Amino acid sequence: MFYTRIILSPRHQALRNDQQNAYLQHRRIESLFPDHKRSDASVLFRWEQQTIFIQSAVEPRFDLLPKNYTNDVQTKLLNLDQLLKPNQWLEFRLLADTSGIEAETRRRKPRNAEQLPDWLASRLDSAAKLDKFVAIQHGPQIAVHRLEQRWKLKPTSFTGYLTVIDPKQLGDVITAGFGRSRAYGCGLMQVAPAKESV
């Protein structure tokens, strides 16, 4: 798996447009994988102001970005099977669209705050166990403008700690992503060895 961090150039006009519309962000990320569908390349991303984090099975083509669009690009190849260990304690953060779909109207329905810990735990299944210290808050709204359609996503931001149970399964879950709206910057879980005890 390739993990990439892109530091953006704040003065670039194209960047200003991209920052205001998650559909343009989706198109920008998609353009880095011209020979692959986003799903085939297992692409997830998180766009934070002047920084983009990308996780992918295929190395991105940074030469396809507009000139002077970035200030710095760093990519490394990670093997989750080797990095994740049983009983390992990890810090994590995740921005996820946790909405469900109403059966009758087929419209998106936000989950109650009380449901969110169970929602995340169920996605981890038996791959990892959430520790008690998990912070949950509403993330920034994500505006999507596509053709004549306009809507806003209301993702949830999770930060906290987990204990690895099944490294292979956790690697598969992280690779697949969490929740809906993965094409628009949701679903990427970032993990790192925990630095201190809670």
C-alpha atoms as a PDB file:
ATOM      1  CA  MET A   1       0.000   0.000   0.000  1.00  0.00           C
ATOM      2  CA  PHE A   2       1.236   3.478  -0.882  1.00  0.00           C
ATOM      3  CA  TYR A   3       0.760   6.260   1.646  1.00  0.00           C
ATOM      4  CA  THR A   4       1.157   9.808   0.392  1.00  0.00           C
ATOM      5  CA  ARG A   5       1.197  13.255   1.955  1.00  0.00           C
ATOM      6  CA  ILE A   6       0.846  16.281  -0.314  1.00  0.00           C
ATOM      7  CA  ILE A   7       1.505  19.807   0.953  1.00  0.00           C
ATOM      8  CA  LEU A   8      -0.438  22.170  -1.284  1.00  0.00           C
ATOM      9  CA  SER A   9       0.484  25.583  -2.597  1.00  0.00           C
ATOM     10  CA  PRO A  10      -2.144  27.934  -1.111  1.00  0.00           C
ATOM     11  CA  ARG A  11      -1.870  30.519  -3.875  1.00  0.00           C
ATOM     12  CA  HIS A  12      -2.711  28.217  -6.768  1.00  0.00           C
ATOM     13  CA  GLN A  13      -6.033  29.220  -8.379  1.00  0.00           C
ATOM     14  CA  ALA A  14      -7.035  25.623  -9.161  1.00  0.00           C
ATOM     15  CA  LEU A  15      -6.523  24.726  -5.515  1.00  0.00           C
ATOM     16  CA  ARG A  16      -8.910  27.445  -4.397  1.00  0.00           C
ATOM     17  CA  ASN A  17     -11.618  25.937  -6.584  1.00  0.00           C
ATOM     18  CA  ASP A  18     -10.857  22.397  -5.425  1.00  0.00           C
ATOM     19  CA  GLN A  19     -11.042  23.334  -1.748  1.00  0.00           C
ATOM     20  CA  GLN A  20     -14.627  24.553  -2.134  1.00  0.00           C
ATOM     21  CA  ASN A  21     -16.021  21.459  -3.843  1.00  0.00           C
ATOM     22  CA  ALA A  22     -15.468  17.837  -2.832  1.00  0.00           C
ATOM     23  CA  TYR A  23     -16.437  16.691  -6.329  1.00  0.00           C
ATOM     24  CA  LEU A  24     -13.469  18.621  -7.759  1.00  0.00           C
ATOM     25  CA  GLN A  25     -11.277  17.092  -5.042  1.00  0.00           C
ATOM     26  CA  HIS A  26     -12.513  13.657  -6.118  1.00  0.00           C
ATOM     27  CA  ARG A  27     -11.658  14.437  -9.757  1.00  0.00           C
ATOM     28  CA  ARG A  28      -8.234  15.754  -8.775  1.00  0.00           C
ATOM     29  CA  ILE A  29      -7.367  12.595  -6.835  1.00  0.00           C
ATOM     30  CA  GLU A  30      -8.799  10.390  -9.575  1.00  0.00           C
ATOM     31  CA  SER A  31      -6.548  12.108 -12.139  1.00  0.00           C
ATOM     32  CA  LEU A  32      -3.472  10.746 -10.336  1.00  0.00           C
ATOM     33  CA  PHE A  33      -4.463   7.204 -11.364  1.00  0.00           C
ATOM     34  CA  PRO A  34      -5.182   7.551 -15.093  1.00  0.00           C
ATOM     35  CA  ASP A  35      -4.953   3.827 -15.830  1.00  0.00           C
ATOM     36  CA  HIS A  36      -7.106   2.655 -12.926  1.00  0.00           C
ATOM     37  CA  LYS A  37     -10.567   3.163 -11.523  1.00  0.00           C
ATOM     38  CA  ARG A  38     -10.480   4.621  -8.034  1.00  0.00           C
ATOM     39  CA  SER A  39     -12.021   1.464  -6.595  1.00  0.00           C
ATOM     40  CA  ASP A  40      -9.532  -0.797  -8.411  1.00  0.00           C
ATOM     41  CA  ALA A  41      -6.634   1.238  -7.041  1.00  0.00           C
ATOM     42  CA  SER A  42      -8.188   1.126  -3.529  1.00  0.00           C
ATOM     43  CA  VAL A  43      -7.883   4.907  -3.250  1.00  0.00           C
ATOM     44  CA  LEU A  44      -8.932   6.689  -0.078  1.00  0.00           C
ATOM     45  CA  PHE A  45      -8.050  10.261   0.755  1.00  0.00           C
ATOM     46  CA  ARG A  46      -8.491  12.930   3.383  1.00  0.00           C
ATOM     47  CA  TRP A  47      -8.285  16.613   2.407  1.00  0.00           C
ATOM     48  CA  GLU A  48      -7.309  18.964   5.216  1.00  0.00           C
ATOM     49  CA  GLN A  49      -6.885  22.614   4.272  1.00  0.00           C
ATOM     50  CA  GLN A  50      -3.378  22.667   2.740  1.00  0.00           C
ATOM     51  CA  THR A  51      -2.650  18.947   3.088  1.00  0.00           C
ATOM     52  CA  ILE A  52      -3.931  15.832   1.323  1.00  0.00           C
ATOM     53  CA  PHE A  53      -3.384  12.313   2.655  1.00  0.00           C
ATOM     54  CA  ILE A  54      -3.813   9.497   0.120  1.00  0.00           C
ATOM     55  CA  GLN A  55      -3.842   5.746   0.627  1.00  0.00           C
ATOM     56  CA  SER A  56      -3.713   3.587  -2.511  1.00  0.00           C
ATOM     57  CA  ALA A  57      -2.713   0.203  -3.899  1.00  0.00           C
ATOM     58  CA  VAL A  58      -1.124   1.947  -6.900  1.00  0.00           C
ATOM     59  CA  GLU A  59       1.517   4.681  -6.796  1.00  0.00           C
ATOM     60  CA  PRO A  60       0.004   8.068  -7.758  1.00  0.00           C
ATOM     61  CA  ARG A  61       1.218   9.981 -10.827  1.00  0.00           C
ATOM     62  CA  PHE A  62       2.221  13.337  -9.338  1.00  0.00           C
ATOM     63  CA  ASP A  63       3.497  14.603 -12.684  1.00  0.00           C
ATOM     64  CA  LEU A  64      -0.177  14.896 -13.667  1.00  0.00           C
ATOM     65  CA  LEU A  65      -0.860  17.601 -11.072  1.00  0.00           C
ATOM     66  CA  PRO A  66      -0.962  21.207 -12.316  1.00  0.00           C
ATOM     67  CA  LYS A  67       2.330  23.034 -12.260  1.00  0.00           C
ATOM     68  CA  ASN A  68       3.090  24.634  -8.871  1.00  0.00           C
ATOM     69  CA  TYR A  69       0.007  23.002  -7.317  1.00  0.00           C
ATOM     70  CA  THR A  70       2.121  21.493  -4.514  1.00  0.00           C
ATOM     71  CA  ASN A  71       4.918  22.622  -2.218  1.00  0.00           C
ATOM     72  CA  ASP A  72       5.979  19.111  -1.221  1.00  0.00           C
ATOM     73  CA  VAL A  73       5.033  15.489  -1.962  1.00  0.00           C
ATOM     74  CA  GLN A  74       6.123  12.477   0.077  1.00  0.00           C
ATOM     75  CA  THR A  75       5.190   8.863  -0.704  1.00  0.00           C
ATOM     76  CA  LYS A  76       6.192   5.636   0.979  1.00  0.00           C
ATOM     77  CA  LEU A  77       5.311   2.005   0.441  1.00  0.00           C
ATOM     78  CA  LEU A  78       3.849   0.353   3.537  1.00  0.00           C
ATOM     79  CA  ASN A  79       3.248  -3.330   4.214  1.00  0.00           C
ATOM     80  CA  LEU A  80       0.451  -3.474   6.770  1.00  0.00           C
ATOM     81  CA  ASP A  81       0.931  -7.215   7.254  1.00  0.00           C
ATOM     82  CA  GLN A  82       4.400  -6.474   8.621  1.00  0.00           C
ATOM     83  CA  LEU A  83       3.583  -3.275  10.514  1.00  0.00           C
ATOM     84  CA  LEU A  84       0.507  -4.470  12.420  1.00  0.00           C
ATOM     85  CA  LYS A  85       1.052  -6.893  15.312  1.00  0.00           C
ATOM     86  CA  PRO A  86      -1.324  -8.735  17.673  1.00  0.00           C
ATOM     87  CA  ASN A  87      -1.995  -6.770  20.886  1.00  0.00           C
ATOM     88  CA  GLN A  88      -0.346  -3.677  19.416  1.00  0.00           C
ATOM     89  CA  TRP A  89      -1.766  -0.443  20.800  1.00  0.00           C
ATOM     90  CA  LEU A  90      -2.468   2.216  18.174  1.00  0.00           C
ATOM     91  CA  GLU A  91      -3.663   5.778  18.003  1.00  0.00           C
ATOM     92  CA  PHE A  92      -6.109   6.423  15.197  1.00  0.00           C
ATOM     93  CA  ARG A  93      -8.101   9.147  13.554  1.00  0.00           C
ATOM     94  CA  LEU A  94     -10.912   8.813  11.085  1.00  0.00           C
ATOM     95  CA  LEU A  95     -13.310  11.101   9.240  1.00  0.00           C
ATOM     96  CA  ALA A  96     -16.303   8.995   8.204  1.00  0.00           C
ATOM     97  CA  ASP A  97     -19.765   9.432   6.732  1.00  0.00           C
ATOM     98  CA  THR A  98     -21.704   7.375   9.261  1.00  0.00           C
ATOM     99  CA  SER A  99     -25.155   8.032   7.806  1.00  0.00           C
ATOM    100  CA  GLY A 100     -27.620   5.241   7.193  1.00  0.00           C
ATOM    101  CA  ILE A 101     -30.343   4.905   4.541  1.00  0.00           C
ATOM    102  CA  GLU A 102     -34.035   5.071   5.434  1.00  0.00           C
ATOM    103  CA  ALA A 103     -35.816   2.037   4.051  1.00  0.00           C
ATOM    104  CA  GLU A 104     -38.956   3.896   2.931  1.00  0.00           C
ATOM    105  CA  THR A 105     -37.541   7.106   1.473  1.00  0.00           C
ATOM    106  CA  ARG A 106     -34.024   5.868   0.551  1.00  0.00           C
ATOM    107  CA  ARG A 107     -32.745   9.156   1.968  1.00  0.00           C
ATOM    108  CA  ARG A 108     -29.676   9.464   4.149  1.00  0.00           C
ATOM    109  CA  LYS A 109     -30.297   9.554   7.852  1.00  0.00           C
ATOM    110  CA  PRO A 110     -27.693  10.659  10.420  1.00  0.00           C
ATOM    111  CA  ARG A 111     -27.025   8.360  13.343  1.00  0.00           C
ATOM    112  CA  ASN A 112     -27.450   9.467  16.933  1.00  0.00           C
ATOM    113  CA  ALA A 113     -24.277  10.226  18.872  1.00  0.00           C
ATOM    114  CA  GLU A 114     -25.015   7.267  21.136  1.00  0.00           C
ATOM    115  CA  GLN A 115     -24.934   4.914  18.145  1.00  0.00           C
ATOM    116  CA  LEU A 116     -21.534   5.976  16.846  1.00  0.00           C
ATOM    117  CA  PRO A 117     -19.213   3.948  19.136  1.00  0.00           C
ATOM    118  CA  ASP A 118     -21.120   0.778  18.221  1.00  0.00           C
ATOM    119  CA  TRP A 119     -21.079   1.793  14.536  1.00  0.00           C
ATOM    120  CA  LEU A 120     -17.274   2.027  14.544  1.00  0.00           C
ATOM    121  CA  ALA A 121     -16.811  -1.103  16.661  1.00  0.00           C
ATOM    122  CA  SER A 122     -18.990  -3.092  14.258  1.00  0.00           C
ATOM    123  CA  ARG A 123     -16.849  -1.995  11.290  1.00  0.00           C
ATOM    124  CA  LEU A 124     -13.719  -3.147  13.095  1.00  0.00           C
ATOM    125  CA  ASP A 125     -15.511  -6.407  13.916  1.00  0.00           C
ATOM    126  CA  SER A 126     -12.963  -8.838  15.391  1.00  0.00           C
ATOM    127  CA  ALA A 127      -9.961  -7.075  13.801  1.00  0.00           C
ATOM    128  CA  ALA A 128      -9.401  -4.646  16.689  1.00  0.00           C
ATOM    129  CA  LYS A 129     -10.892  -3.559  19.978  1.00  0.00           C
ATOM    130  CA  LEU A 130     -11.661   0.077  20.687  1.00  0.00           C
ATOM    131  CA  ASP A 131     -10.322   1.453  23.949  1.00  0.00           C
ATOM    132  CA  LYS A 132     -12.580   3.511  26.173  1.00  0.00           C
ATOM    133  CA  PHE A 133     -10.876   6.750  25.160  1.00  0.00           C
ATOM    134  CA  VAL A 134     -12.485   7.602  21.826  1.00  0.00           C
ATOM    135  CA  ALA A 135     -13.416  11.198  21.020  1.00  0.00           C
ATOM    136  CA  ILE A 136     -16.315  11.721  18.637  1.00  0.00           C
ATOM    137  CA  GLN A 137     -17.359  15.028  17.145  1.00  0.00           C
ATOM    138  CA  HIS A 138     -19.086  16.330  14.064  1.00  0.00           C
ATOM    139  CA  GLY A 139     -16.498  16.985  11.390  1.00  0.00           C
ATOM    140  CA  PRO A 140     -16.591  19.973   9.048  1.00  0.00           C
ATOM    141  CA  GLN A 141     -19.386  19.805   6.475  1.00  0.00           C
ATOM    142  CA  ILE A 142     -18.238  18.774   3.013  1.00  0.00           C
ATOM    143  CA  ALA A 143     -19.849  20.614   0.091  1.00  0.00           C
ATOM    144  CA  VAL A 144     -20.377  18.643  -3.127  1.00  0.00           C
ATOM    145  CA  HIS A 145     -21.320  20.411  -6.383  1.00  0.00           C
ATOM    146  CA  ARG A 146     -21.782  18.114  -9.372  1.00  0.00           C
ATOM    147  CA  LEU A 147     -23.422  19.469 -12.503  1.00  0.00           C
ATOM    148  CA  GLU A 148     -26.724  20.958 -11.280  1.00  0.00           C
ATOM    149  CA  GLN A 149     -26.724  18.999  -8.034  1.00  0.00           C
ATOM    150  CA  ARG A 150     -25.554  20.422  -4.733  1.00  0.00           C
ATOM    151  CA  TRP A 151     -25.514  18.725  -1.360  1.00  0.00           C
ATOM    152  CA  LYS A 152     -23.550  18.665   1.884  1.00  0.00           C
ATOM    153  CA  LEU A 153     -22.067  15.726   3.715  1.00  0.00           C
ATOM    154  CA  LYS A 154     -21.961  15.778   7.507  1.00  0.00           C
ATOM    155  CA  PRO A 155     -19.155  13.399   8.485  1.00  0.00           C
ATOM    156  CA  THR A 156     -18.091  12.338  11.952  1.00  0.00           C
ATOM    157  CA  SER A 157     -14.538  12.742  13.256  1.00  0.00           C
ATOM    158  CA  PHE A 158     -13.200   9.932  15.453  1.00  0.00           C
ATOM    159  CA  THR A 159      -9.904  10.022  17.356  1.00  0.00           C
ATOM    160  CA  GLY A 160      -8.715   7.553  19.962  1.00  0.00           C
ATOM    161  CA  TYR A 161      -6.970   4.280  20.608  1.00  0.00           C
ATOM    162  CA  LEU A 162      -7.459   0.674  19.586  1.00  0.00           C
ATOM    163  CA  THR A 163      -5.803  -2.672  20.285  1.00  0.00           C
ATOM    164  CA  VAL A 164      -4.985  -4.929  17.347  1.00  0.00           C
ATOM    165  CA  ILE A 165      -6.543  -8.389  17.543  1.00  0.00           C
ATOM    166  CA  ASP A 166      -6.179  -9.733  13.994  1.00  0.00           C
ATOM    167  CA  PRO A 167      -3.493  -7.807  12.022  1.00  0.00           C
ATOM    168  CA  LYS A 168      -4.474  -9.240   8.622  1.00  0.00           C
ATOM    169  CA  GLN A 169      -8.141  -8.467   9.113  1.00  0.00           C
ATOM    170  CA  LEU A 170      -7.404  -4.962  10.400  1.00  0.00           C
ATOM    171  CA  GLY A 171      -5.196  -4.304   7.379  1.00  0.00           C
ATOM    172  CA  ASP A 172      -8.049  -5.371   5.097  1.00  0.00           C
ATOM    173  CA  VAL A 173     -10.512  -3.123   6.943  1.00  0.00           C
ATOM    174  CA  ILE A 174      -8.192  -0.108   6.753  1.00  0.00           C
ATOM    175  CA  THR A 175      -7.582  -0.742   3.055  1.00  0.00           C
ATOM    176  CA  ALA A 176     -11.318  -0.958   2.315  1.00  0.00           C
ATOM    177  CA  GLY A 177     -12.206   2.179   4.308  1.00  0.00           C
ATOM    178  CA  PHE A 178     -15.112   3.089   6.572  1.00  0.00           C
ATOM    179  CA  GLY A 179     -18.634   4.260   5.860  1.00  0.00           C
ATOM    180  CA  ARG A 180     -20.099   6.079   2.873  1.00  0.00           C
ATOM    181  CA  SER A 181     -18.829   8.936   0.677  1.00  0.00           C
ATOM    182  CA  ARG A 182     -15.333   7.501   0.263  1.00  0.00           C
ATOM    183  CA  ALA A 183     -15.068   9.225  -3.107  1.00  0.00           C
ATOM    184  CA  TYR A 184     -15.432  12.584  -1.342  1.00  0.00           C
ATOM    185  CA  GLY A 185     -12.710  12.386   1.292  1.00  0.00           C
ATOM    186  CA  CYS A 186     -14.287  10.129   3.922  1.00  0.00           C
ATOM    187  CA  GLY A 187     -13.308   6.687   5.191  1.00  0.00           C
ATOM    188  CA  LEU A 188      -9.522   6.862   5.554  1.00  0.00           C
ATOM    189  CA  MET A 189      -8.361   5.636   8.967  1.00  0.00           C
ATOM    190  CA  GLN A 190      -4.874   6.809   9.892  1.00  0.00           C
ATOM    191  CA  VAL A 191      -3.058   4.766  12.541  1.00  0.00           C
ATOM    192  CA  ALA A 192       0.248   5.080  14.374  1.00  0.00           C
ATOM    193  CA  PRO A 193       1.851   3.386  17.410  1.00  0.00           C
ATOM    194  CA  ALA A 194       0.426   4.934  20.588  1.00  0.00           C
ATOM    195  CA  LYS A 195       2.957   7.250  22.222  1.00  0.00           C
ATOM    196  CA  GLU A 196       1.683   7.169  25.778  1.00  0.00           C
ATOM    197  CA  SER A 197      -0.879   5.458  27.940  1.00  0.00           C
ATOM    198  CA  VAL A 198      -4.282   6.940  28.584  1.00  0.00           C
END
